[in-house]
Amino acid sequence: MKQKDFLIILVPAFILTILWVVFSIYHNYVTSTIKDPLTFQTIPIDGKFDKLTIENIKNRQRVDPLYELLTLPSTDSSTSDEEITPTPTDTQEPTPTPTEETIPTEEVILDEGLTE
């Protein structure tokens, strides 16, 4: 490509870039996220902390987990004189209750004579 061809591409690209930056700045200036009445209504947060509570948290006792499972001594069933028998469970099934038949709302309205 010739030098003239490069200028034909670079000059409009440079002008377009400059316009893009200018309009972006203008857009950010015109559209604010906080309206003026709201800026007067906002109240800054006080930096007051309850120092006693913070000191209590700092002075807490640190507890580190052991990550070990304690095993309980098991009793050997062969040395025991008692036999373990399973507890019987209730096998009674629930009985279904009859339900009332629902009446469609159209029939109710027609029966009352409210509609044609």
Protein backbone atom coordinates (compact mmCIF):
# COMPACT_ATOMS: atom_id res chain seq x y z
CA MET A 1 0.00 0.00 0.00
CA LYS A 2 1.04 3.51 -0.64
CA GLN A 3 1.48 6.22 1.97
CA LYS A 4 -1.65 7.95 0.70
CA ASP A 5 -3.71 4.81 1.36
CA PHE A 6 -2.48 4.67 4.95
CA LEU A 7 -3.49 8.29 5.49
CA ILE A 8 -6.96 7.61 4.11
CA ILE A 9 -7.41 4.89 6.77
CA LEU A 10 -5.56 6.51 9.71
CA VAL A 11 -7.07 10.03 9.60
CA PRO A 12 -10.75 8.95 9.85
CA ALA A 13 -9.83 6.34 12.50
CA PHE A 14 -8.05 9.02 14.55
CA ILE A 15 -10.98 11.45 14.23
CA LEU A 16 -13.44 8.69 15.16
CA THR A 17 -11.37 7.79 18.23
CA ILE A 18 -11.19 11.41 19.40
CA LEU A 19 -14.97 11.85 18.92
CA TRP A 20 -15.61 8.60 20.80
CA VAL A 21 -13.60 9.79 23.81
CA VAL A 22 -15.23 13.24 23.80
CA PHE A 23 -18.77 11.83 23.63
CA SER A 24 -18.00 9.28 26.37
CA ILE A 25 -16.85 12.06 28.67
CA TYR A 26 -19.91 14.13 27.82
CA HIS A 27 -22.24 11.16 28.42
CA ASN A 28 -20.70 10.47 31.83
CA TYR A 29 -21.02 14.13 32.75
CA VAL A 30 -24.68 14.37 31.71
CA THR A 31 -25.94 11.09 33.18
CA SER A 32 -25.24 10.99 36.90
CA THR A 33 -26.06 7.96 39.04
CA ILE A 34 -26.99 10.09 42.06
CA LYS A 35 -29.64 12.77 41.71
CA ASP A 36 -29.13 16.15 43.39
CA PRO A 37 -31.94 15.84 45.99
CA LEU A 38 -30.60 12.47 47.02
CA THR A 39 -27.13 13.85 47.67
CA PHE A 40 -28.62 16.21 50.24
CA GLN A 41 -30.59 13.40 51.90
CA THR A 42 -27.71 10.99 52.40
CA ILE A 43 -26.17 10.99 55.84
CA PRO A 44 -22.64 9.71 56.39
CA ILE A 45 -22.24 6.64 58.58
CA ASP A 46 -20.65 7.27 61.97
CA GLY A 47 -17.48 5.33 62.62
CA LYS A 48 -18.47 4.40 66.16
CA PHE A 49 -17.93 0.82 67.30
CA ASP A 50 -18.78 -0.90 70.54
CA LYS A 51 -15.24 -1.27 71.90
CA LEU A 52 -16.30 -3.63 74.68
CA THR A 53 -17.77 -6.10 72.21
CA ILE A 54 -14.67 -5.94 70.01
CA GLU A 55 -12.45 -6.62 73.02
CA ASN A 56 -14.66 -9.56 74.04
CA ILE A 57 -14.29 -11.01 70.55
CA LYS A 58 -10.52 -10.55 70.66
CA ASN A 59 -10.30 -12.23 74.07
CA ARG A 60 -12.37 -15.28 73.13
CA GLN A 61 -10.90 -18.65 73.83
CA ARG A 62 -9.64 -20.23 70.63
CA VAL A 63 -10.90 -23.75 70.07
CA ASP A 64 -9.02 -25.94 67.64
CA PRO A 65 -10.81 -29.02 66.28
CA LEU A 66 -9.18 -32.36 66.95
CA TYR A 67 -10.23 -34.07 63.73
CA GLU A 68 -10.20 -37.39 65.57
CA LEU A 69 -13.16 -39.64 66.20
CA LEU A 70 -13.47 -41.02 69.68
CA THR A 71 -14.34 -44.68 69.73
CA LEU A 72 -16.49 -45.96 72.53
CA PRO A 73 -15.65 -49.31 74.05
CA SER A 74 -17.97 -51.88 72.52
CA THR A 75 -19.46 -54.79 74.35
CA ASP A 76 -18.89 -58.19 72.86
CA SER A 77 -22.24 -59.82 72.14
CA SER A 78 -20.88 -63.33 72.57
CA THR A 79 -20.09 -62.71 76.24
CA SER A 80 -23.48 -61.18 76.97
CA ASP A 81 -26.20 -63.42 78.43
CA GLU A 82 -29.02 -61.37 76.93
CA GLU A 83 -30.27 -61.85 73.43
CA ILE A 84 -31.26 -58.86 71.35
CA THR A 85 -34.70 -59.14 69.83
CA PRO A 86 -36.10 -56.69 67.28
CA THR A 87 -38.98 -54.47 68.28
CA PRO A 88 -42.20 -55.33 66.44
CA THR A 89 -43.53 -52.54 64.21
CA ASP A 90 -47.12 -51.58 63.57
CA THR A 91 -48.23 -52.88 60.18
CA GLN A 92 -51.66 -51.27 60.16
CA GLU A 93 -52.31 -49.32 56.96
CA PRO A 94 -54.22 -46.03 56.95
CA THR A 95 -57.77 -46.15 55.69
CA PRO A 96 -58.71 -43.63 53.01
CA THR A 97 -61.39 -41.11 53.90
CA PRO A 98 -64.11 -40.30 51.38
CA THR A 99 -63.89 -36.83 49.86
CA GLU A 100 -66.75 -34.60 48.85
CA GLU A 101 -67.38 -34.13 45.17
CA THR A 102 -66.64 -30.57 44.07
CA ILE A 103 -69.23 -28.66 42.06
CA PRO A 104 -67.96 -26.56 39.13
CA THR A 105 -68.43 -22.83 39.66
CA GLU A 106 -70.30 -22.38 36.37
CA GLU A 107 -73.11 -24.62 37.54
CA VAL A 108 -73.38 -22.74 40.82
CA ILE A 109 -73.64 -19.40 39.05
CA LEU A 110 -76.23 -20.74 36.61
CA ASP A 111 -78.27 -22.29 39.43
CA GLU A 112 -78.36 -19.01 41.33
CA GLY A 113 -79.65 -17.21 38.23
CA LEU A 114 -76.85 -14.62 38.17
CA THR A 115 -75.92 -15.26 34.54
CA GLU A 116 -77.86 -16.03 31.40
